[in-house]
Amino acid sequence: MPRERASGSCERILRRGPGWRLGWDPHAERYLGLIGTDDWAIELTEPELDDFCRLLAELDETIRQLANVLMDAEQVTCELESELLWLEAEGYPHAYTLRAIFTGDRRCEGSWTAASIPGLVHAVRGLHVF
């Protein structure tokens, strides 16, 4: 995954894959994080990015556990939230969409297709900011 060198000793990270983007810039004044797709992006504060990463990892783990009790044709909807963010996964355990609504001072919303989720989850787990 591409890494871009920022001034100073810490690196600015921009990871991307089919249908997703994830970024981290430790030198930014307010918006240190970035999430998005090929068509949109939202800059996030550190607490917003922390919550997004934590909740997405928890959501993915919950859906993986549900896969053991669902029949192949059953779909699932699962929601998690914090003070800053609401996440919803909808679909099959092996192929679900994701929607995020930020509920703090800024109000914004974004979504990802099922095809983009495995790469996004992998990148979030590797970011290590939460």
N, C-alpha and C. Protein backbone atom coordinates (compact mmCIF):
# COMPACT_ATOMS: atom_id res chain seq x y z
N MET A 1 0.84 -1.17 0.00
CA MET A 1 0.00 0.00 0.00
C MET A 1 0.88 1.23 0.00
N PRO A 2 0.49 2.26 -0.72
CA PRO A 2 1.36 3.42 -0.82
C PRO A 2 1.52 4.14 0.51
N ARG A 3 2.71 4.60 0.77
CA ARG A 3 2.97 5.46 1.91
C ARG A 3 3.63 6.71 1.39
N GLU A 4 3.12 7.83 1.83
CA GLU A 4 3.68 9.11 1.40
C GLU A 4 4.45 9.70 2.57
N ARG A 5 5.63 10.16 2.33
CA ARG A 5 6.49 10.73 3.35
C ARG A 5 6.07 12.17 3.62
N ALA A 6 5.78 12.50 4.87
CA ALA A 6 5.47 13.87 5.27
C ALA A 6 6.72 14.46 5.91
N SER A 7 6.74 15.77 6.08
CA SER A 7 7.90 16.37 6.73
C SER A 7 7.95 15.93 8.18
N GLY A 8 9.11 15.73 8.71
CA GLY A 8 9.27 15.25 10.07
C GLY A 8 9.51 13.75 10.10
N SER A 9 9.47 13.18 11.29
CA SER A 9 9.82 11.77 11.43
C SER A 9 8.64 10.82 11.23
N CYS A 10 7.40 11.27 11.38
CA CYS A 10 6.24 10.41 11.20
C CYS A 10 5.78 10.44 9.75
N GLU A 11 5.16 9.37 9.34
CA GLU A 11 4.71 9.27 7.96
C GLU A 11 3.23 9.58 7.82
N ARG A 12 2.89 10.19 6.71
CA ARG A 12 1.50 10.34 6.32
C ARG A 12 1.17 9.06 5.55
N ILE A 13 0.04 8.45 5.87
CA ILE A 13 -0.34 7.18 5.26
C ILE A 13 -1.59 7.38 4.42
N LEU A 14 -1.57 6.91 3.20
CA LEU A 14 -2.77 6.86 2.37
C LEU A 14 -2.85 5.47 1.78
N ARG A 15 -3.87 4.75 2.18
CA ARG A 15 -4.10 3.41 1.66
C ARG A 15 -5.37 3.45 0.83
N ARG A 16 -5.35 2.69 -0.25
CA ARG A 16 -6.54 2.65 -1.10
C ARG A 16 -6.64 1.30 -1.77
N GLY A 17 -7.85 0.98 -2.13
CA GLY A 17 -8.13 -0.24 -2.86
C GLY A 17 -9.40 -0.04 -3.66
N PRO A 18 -9.89 -1.08 -4.31
CA PRO A 18 -11.11 -0.94 -5.11
C PRO A 18 -12.30 -0.50 -4.24
N GLY A 19 -12.72 0.73 -4.42
CA GLY A 19 -13.90 1.24 -3.72
C GLY A 19 -13.68 1.79 -2.34
N TRP A 20 -12.43 1.96 -1.90
CA TRP A 20 -12.19 2.53 -0.57
C TRP A 20 -10.87 3.30 -0.52
N ARG A 21 -10.82 4.25 0.44
CA ARG A 21 -9.60 5.00 0.77
C ARG A 21 -9.55 5.18 2.27
N LEU A 22 -8.35 5.19 2.83
CA LEU A 22 -8.14 5.40 4.25
C LEU A 22 -6.83 6.15 4.42
N GLY A 23 -6.87 7.25 5.15
CA GLY A 23 -5.67 8.05 5.32
C GLY A 23 -5.44 8.50 6.74
N TRP A 24 -4.16 8.83 7.02
CA TRP A 24 -3.74 9.30 8.34
C TRP A 24 -2.59 10.28 8.15
N ASP A 25 -2.73 11.49 8.67
CA ASP A 25 -1.68 12.49 8.60
C ASP A 25 -1.44 13.04 10.00
N PRO A 26 -0.41 12.57 10.69
CA PRO A 26 -0.18 13.00 12.07
C PRO A 26 0.20 14.47 12.20
N HIS A 27 0.51 15.13 11.10
CA HIS A 27 0.90 16.53 11.14
C HIS A 27 -0.25 17.49 10.86
N ALA A 28 -1.40 16.98 10.52
CA ALA A 28 -2.54 17.85 10.23
C ALA A 28 -3.00 18.55 11.52
N GLU A 29 -3.50 19.77 11.37
CA GLU A 29 -3.90 20.53 12.55
C GLU A 29 -5.16 19.98 13.20
N ARG A 30 -6.19 19.69 12.42
CA ARG A 30 -7.46 19.25 13.00
C ARG A 30 -7.92 17.90 12.45
N TYR A 31 -7.89 17.76 11.14
CA TYR A 31 -8.42 16.55 10.50
C TYR A 31 -7.26 15.63 10.13
N LEU A 32 -6.96 14.70 11.03
CA LEU A 32 -5.83 13.81 10.85
C LEU A 32 -6.17 12.58 10.01
N GLY A 33 -7.45 12.26 9.90
CA GLY A 33 -7.87 11.05 9.19
C GLY A 33 -8.65 11.35 7.94
N LEU A 34 -8.77 10.33 7.10
CA LEU A 34 -9.56 10.43 5.88
C LEU A 34 -10.15 9.06 5.60
N ILE A 35 -11.44 9.03 5.29
CA ILE A 35 -12.09 7.82 4.81
C ILE A 35 -12.86 8.18 3.55
N GLY A 36 -13.09 7.20 2.70
CA GLY A 36 -13.86 7.49 1.51
C GLY A 36 -13.89 6.33 0.54
N THR A 37 -14.34 6.63 -0.67
CA THR A 37 -14.39 5.69 -1.78
C THR A 37 -13.67 6.33 -2.95
N ASP A 38 -13.89 5.80 -4.14
CA ASP A 38 -13.32 6.42 -5.33
C ASP A 38 -14.02 7.73 -5.66
N ASP A 39 -15.25 7.92 -5.16
CA ASP A 39 -16.08 9.07 -5.53
C ASP A 39 -16.22 10.14 -4.46
N TRP A 40 -15.89 9.87 -3.23
CA TRP A 40 -16.05 10.84 -2.16
C TRP A 40 -15.02 10.57 -1.06
N ALA A 41 -14.82 11.56 -0.20
CA ALA A 41 -13.94 11.41 0.96
C ALA A 41 -14.40 12.38 2.05
N ILE A 42 -14.16 11.98 3.29
CA ILE A 42 -14.46 12.81 4.45
C ILE A 42 -13.20 12.87 5.30
N GLU A 43 -12.77 14.07 5.65
CA GLU A 43 -11.66 14.20 6.58
C GLU A 43 -12.21 14.09 8.00
N LEU A 44 -11.48 13.38 8.86
CA LEU A 44 -11.94 13.11 10.22
C LEU A 44 -10.96 13.62 11.26
N THR A 45 -11.49 14.02 12.41
CA THR A 45 -10.64 14.31 13.56
C THR A 45 -10.10 12.99 14.09
N GLU A 46 -9.10 13.07 14.95
CA GLU A 46 -8.54 11.84 15.50
C GLU A 46 -9.58 11.02 16.28
N PRO A 47 -10.42 11.64 17.13
CA PRO A 47 -11.45 10.84 17.81
C PRO A 47 -12.45 10.20 16.84
N GLU A 48 -12.81 10.91 15.77
CA GLU A 48 -13.72 10.33 14.79
C GLU A 48 -13.09 9.13 14.09
N LEU A 49 -11.83 9.26 13.70
CA LEU A 49 -11.14 8.15 13.05
C LEU A 49 -10.96 6.98 14.02
N ASP A 50 -10.61 7.27 15.26
CA ASP A 50 -10.48 6.22 16.27
C ASP A 50 -11.79 5.43 16.38
N ASP A 51 -12.91 6.15 16.50
CA ASP A 51 -14.21 5.48 16.62
C ASP A 51 -14.55 4.69 15.37
N PHE A 52 -14.27 5.24 14.19
CA PHE A 52 -14.56 4.53 12.95
C PHE A 52 -13.78 3.22 12.91
N CYS A 53 -12.49 3.26 13.19
CA CYS A 53 -11.66 2.07 13.14
C CYS A 53 -12.11 1.03 14.18
N ARG A 54 -12.36 1.48 15.39
CA ARG A 54 -12.77 0.57 16.46
C ARG A 54 -14.12 -0.07 16.16
N LEU A 55 -15.10 0.74 15.76
CA LEU A 55 -16.44 0.22 15.49
C LEU A 55 -16.46 -0.69 14.28
N LEU A 56 -15.70 -0.35 13.24
CA LEU A 56 -15.67 -1.21 12.06
C LEU A 56 -15.07 -2.57 12.41
N ALA A 57 -14.00 -2.59 13.19
CA ALA A 57 -13.40 -3.86 13.60
C ALA A 57 -14.38 -4.68 14.44
N GLU A 58 -15.10 -4.03 15.36
CA GLU A 58 -16.08 -4.72 16.18
C GLU A 58 -17.24 -5.24 15.33
N LEU A 59 -17.70 -4.43 14.40
CA LEU A 59 -18.80 -4.81 13.52
C LEU A 59 -18.43 -6.01 12.66
N ASP A 60 -17.25 -5.97 12.09
CA ASP A 60 -16.81 -7.09 11.26
C ASP A 60 -16.68 -8.37 12.09
N GLU A 61 -16.16 -8.27 13.29
CA GLU A 61 -16.04 -9.45 14.15
C GLU A 61 -17.42 -9.99 14.53
N THR A 62 -18.36 -9.13 14.84
CA THR A 62 -19.72 -9.55 15.17
C THR A 62 -20.36 -10.28 14.00
N ILE A 63 -20.20 -9.75 12.81
CA ILE A 63 -20.78 -10.39 11.62
C ILE A 63 -20.13 -11.74 11.37
N ARG A 64 -18.84 -11.84 11.57
CA ARG A 64 -18.15 -13.13 11.41
C ARG A 64 -18.71 -14.17 12.39
N GLN A 65 -18.98 -13.75 13.63
CA GLN A 65 -19.54 -14.66 14.61
C GLN A 65 -20.97 -15.06 14.24
N LEU A 66 -21.75 -14.13 13.71
CA LEU A 66 -23.12 -14.44 13.29
C LEU A 66 -23.16 -15.43 12.13
N ALA A 67 -22.14 -15.44 11.32
CA ALA A 67 -22.09 -16.36 10.17
C ALA A 67 -22.22 -17.81 10.61
N ASN A 68 -21.79 -18.13 11.81
CA ASN A 68 -21.86 -19.50 12.31
C ASN A 68 -23.28 -19.93 12.67
N VAL A 69 -24.19 -18.99 12.88
CA VAL A 69 -25.55 -19.35 13.30
C VAL A 69 -26.60 -19.04 12.23
N LEU A 70 -26.20 -18.42 11.12
CA LEU A 70 -27.14 -18.08 10.06
C LEU A 70 -27.12 -19.14 8.97
N MET A 71 -28.27 -19.30 8.33
CA MET A 71 -28.32 -20.15 7.14
C MET A 71 -27.72 -19.37 5.98
N ASP A 72 -27.30 -20.06 4.93
CA ASP A 72 -26.64 -19.42 3.80
C ASP A 72 -27.45 -18.30 3.17
N ALA A 73 -28.77 -18.42 3.13
CA ALA A 73 -29.62 -17.43 2.47
C ALA A 73 -30.04 -16.29 3.40
N GLU A 74 -29.68 -16.36 4.67
CA GLU A 74 -30.09 -15.32 5.62
C GLU A 74 -29.18 -14.10 5.54
N GLN A 75 -29.81 -12.94 5.53
CA GLN A 75 -29.08 -11.68 5.59
C GLN A 75 -29.11 -11.15 7.01
N VAL A 76 -28.22 -10.21 7.27
CA VAL A 76 -28.11 -9.65 8.60
C VAL A 76 -27.99 -8.13 8.50
N THR A 77 -28.52 -7.44 9.48
CA THR A 77 -28.29 -6.01 9.66
C THR A 77 -27.76 -5.83 11.07
N CYS A 78 -26.64 -5.15 11.17
CA CYS A 78 -25.99 -4.96 12.47
C CYS A 78 -25.58 -3.49 12.58
N GLU A 79 -25.84 -2.89 13.74
CA GLU A 79 -25.51 -1.49 13.97
C GLU A 79 -24.66 -1.36 15.23
N LEU A 80 -23.73 -0.43 15.19
CA LEU A 80 -22.94 -0.04 16.36
C LEU A 80 -22.82 1.48 16.34
N GLU A 81 -22.69 2.06 17.52
CA GLU A 81 -22.54 3.52 17.56
C GLU A 81 -21.71 3.98 18.74
N SER A 82 -21.20 5.19 18.59
CA SER A 82 -20.51 5.89 19.66
C SER A 82 -21.14 7.28 19.73
N GLU A 83 -20.56 8.16 20.52
CA GLU A 83 -21.07 9.53 20.59
C GLU A 83 -20.86 10.28 19.28
N LEU A 84 -19.89 9.84 18.47
CA LEU A 84 -19.52 10.56 17.25
C LEU A 84 -20.00 9.90 15.96
N LEU A 85 -20.38 8.63 16.01
CA LEU A 85 -20.54 7.86 14.79
C LEU A 85 -21.55 6.74 14.95
N TRP A 86 -22.29 6.47 13.88
CA TRP A 86 -23.19 5.31 13.78
C TRP A 86 -22.78 4.52 12.56
N LEU A 87 -22.56 3.21 12.72
CA LEU A 87 -22.21 2.33 11.61
C LEU A 87 -23.27 1.26 11.45
N GLU A 88 -23.59 0.94 10.19
CA GLU A 88 -24.54 -0.12 9.89
C GLU A 88 -23.98 -1.01 8.80
N ALA A 89 -24.00 -2.31 9.06
CA ALA A 89 -23.64 -3.32 8.06
C ALA A 89 -24.92 -4.04 7.68
N GLU A 90 -25.07 -4.28 6.37
CA GLU A 90 -26.29 -4.95 5.91
C GLU A 90 -25.94 -5.87 4.75
N GLY A 91 -26.42 -7.10 4.83
CA GLY A 91 -26.18 -8.07 3.77
C GLY A 91 -25.88 -9.43 4.33
N TYR A 92 -25.06 -10.18 3.63
CA TYR A 92 -24.65 -11.51 4.05
C TYR A 92 -23.33 -11.40 4.80
N PRO A 93 -23.06 -12.34 5.71
CA PRO A 93 -21.79 -12.26 6.44
C PRO A 93 -20.56 -12.23 5.55
N HIS A 94 -20.62 -12.82 4.38
CA HIS A 94 -19.47 -12.83 3.47
C HIS A 94 -19.50 -11.67 2.48
N ALA A 95 -20.61 -10.89 2.47
CA ALA A 95 -20.74 -9.77 1.52
C ALA A 95 -21.76 -8.77 2.06
N TYR A 96 -21.29 -7.79 2.81
CA TYR A 96 -22.20 -6.79 3.36
C TYR A 96 -21.76 -5.38 2.98
N THR A 97 -22.75 -4.49 2.90
CA THR A 97 -22.47 -3.07 2.66
C THR A 97 -22.27 -2.39 4.01
N LEU A 98 -21.68 -1.22 3.98
CA LEU A 98 -21.42 -0.47 5.20
C LEU A 98 -21.87 0.97 5.00
N ARG A 99 -22.55 1.50 6.02
CA ARG A 99 -22.95 2.91 6.00
C ARG A 99 -22.48 3.55 7.29
N ALA A 100 -21.93 4.75 7.19
CA ALA A 100 -21.44 5.50 8.35
C ALA A 100 -22.14 6.86 8.38
N ILE A 101 -22.62 7.23 9.54
CA ILE A 101 -23.19 8.56 9.75
C ILE A 101 -22.47 9.18 10.95
N PHE A 102 -21.83 10.31 10.73
CA PHE A 102 -21.15 11.02 11.80
C PHE A 102 -22.14 11.97 12.46
N THR A 103 -22.24 11.89 13.79
CA THR A 103 -23.28 12.59 14.52
C THR A 103 -22.74 13.64 15.48
N GLY A 104 -21.46 13.92 15.44
CA GLY A 104 -20.86 14.92 16.33
C GLY A 104 -21.17 16.32 15.83
N ASP A 105 -20.20 17.23 15.96
CA ASP A 105 -20.38 18.61 15.52
C ASP A 105 -20.67 18.70 14.03
N ARG A 106 -20.00 17.87 13.27
CA ARG A 106 -20.23 17.84 11.81
C ARG A 106 -21.20 16.71 11.52
N ARG A 107 -22.02 16.90 10.54
CA ARG A 107 -22.95 15.84 10.13
C ARG A 107 -22.61 15.46 8.70
N CYS A 108 -22.23 14.20 8.53
CA CYS A 108 -21.92 13.70 7.19
C CYS A 108 -22.18 12.21 7.16
N GLU A 109 -22.29 11.69 5.95
CA GLU A 109 -22.64 10.29 5.77
C GLU A 109 -21.88 9.73 4.58
N GLY A 110 -21.54 8.45 4.65
CA GLY A 110 -20.88 7.78 3.55
C GLY A 110 -21.21 6.30 3.57
N SER A 111 -20.99 5.65 2.44
CA SER A 111 -21.27 4.21 2.37
C SER A 111 -20.27 3.53 1.44
N TRP A 112 -20.11 2.22 1.64
CA TRP A 112 -19.20 1.40 0.86
C TRP A 112 -19.95 0.18 0.35
N THR A 113 -19.57 -0.29 -0.81
CA THR A 113 -20.17 -1.49 -1.39
C THR A 113 -19.60 -2.74 -0.72
N ALA A 114 -20.29 -3.84 -0.89
CA ALA A 114 -19.84 -5.10 -0.31
C ALA A 114 -18.45 -5.49 -0.83
N ALA A 115 -18.18 -5.21 -2.09
CA ALA A 115 -16.89 -5.59 -2.68
C ALA A 115 -15.72 -4.84 -2.04
N SER A 116 -15.97 -3.66 -1.49
CA SER A 116 -14.89 -2.86 -0.91
C SER A 116 -14.61 -3.17 0.55
N ILE A 117 -15.51 -3.86 1.23
CA ILE A 117 -15.39 -4.05 2.68
C ILE A 117 -14.17 -4.87 3.10
N PRO A 118 -13.86 -6.01 2.48
CA PRO A 118 -12.69 -6.76 2.95
C PRO A 118 -11.40 -5.94 2.94
N GLY A 119 -11.16 -5.18 1.90
CA GLY A 119 -9.96 -4.35 1.84
C GLY A 119 -9.97 -3.23 2.87
N LEU A 120 -11.12 -2.60 3.06
CA LEU A 120 -11.24 -1.52 4.04
C LEU A 120 -11.01 -2.06 5.45
N VAL A 121 -11.63 -3.19 5.78
CA VAL A 121 -11.45 -3.78 7.11
C VAL A 121 -9.98 -4.13 7.34
N HIS A 122 -9.35 -4.72 6.36
CA HIS A 122 -7.92 -5.08 6.47
C HIS A 122 -7.06 -3.82 6.71
N ALA A 123 -7.34 -2.76 5.96
CA ALA A 123 -6.58 -1.52 6.11
C ALA A 123 -6.80 -0.88 7.47
N VAL A 124 -8.03 -0.89 7.95
CA VAL A 124 -8.35 -0.32 9.26
C VAL A 124 -7.61 -1.07 10.35
N ARG A 125 -7.59 -2.37 10.26
CA ARG A 125 -6.89 -3.16 11.28
C ARG A 125 -5.39 -2.90 11.27
N GLY A 126 -4.84 -2.51 10.13
CA GLY A 126 -3.43 -2.23 10.03
C GLY A 126 -3.03 -0.80 10.32
N LEU A 127 -4.00 0.08 10.50
CA LEU A 127 -3.68 1.49 10.73
C LEU A 127 -3.14 1.74 12.14
N HIS A 128 -3.64 1.02 13.14
CA HIS A 128 -3.15 1.10 14.53
C HIS A 128 -3.20 2.51 15.10
N VAL A 129 -4.34 3.19 14.92
CA VAL A 129 -4.47 4.51 15.54
C VAL A 129 -5.47 4.51 16.68
N PHE A 130 -6.07 3.38 16.97
CA PHE A 130 -7.06 3.32 18.05
C PHE A 130 -6.62 2.34 19.11
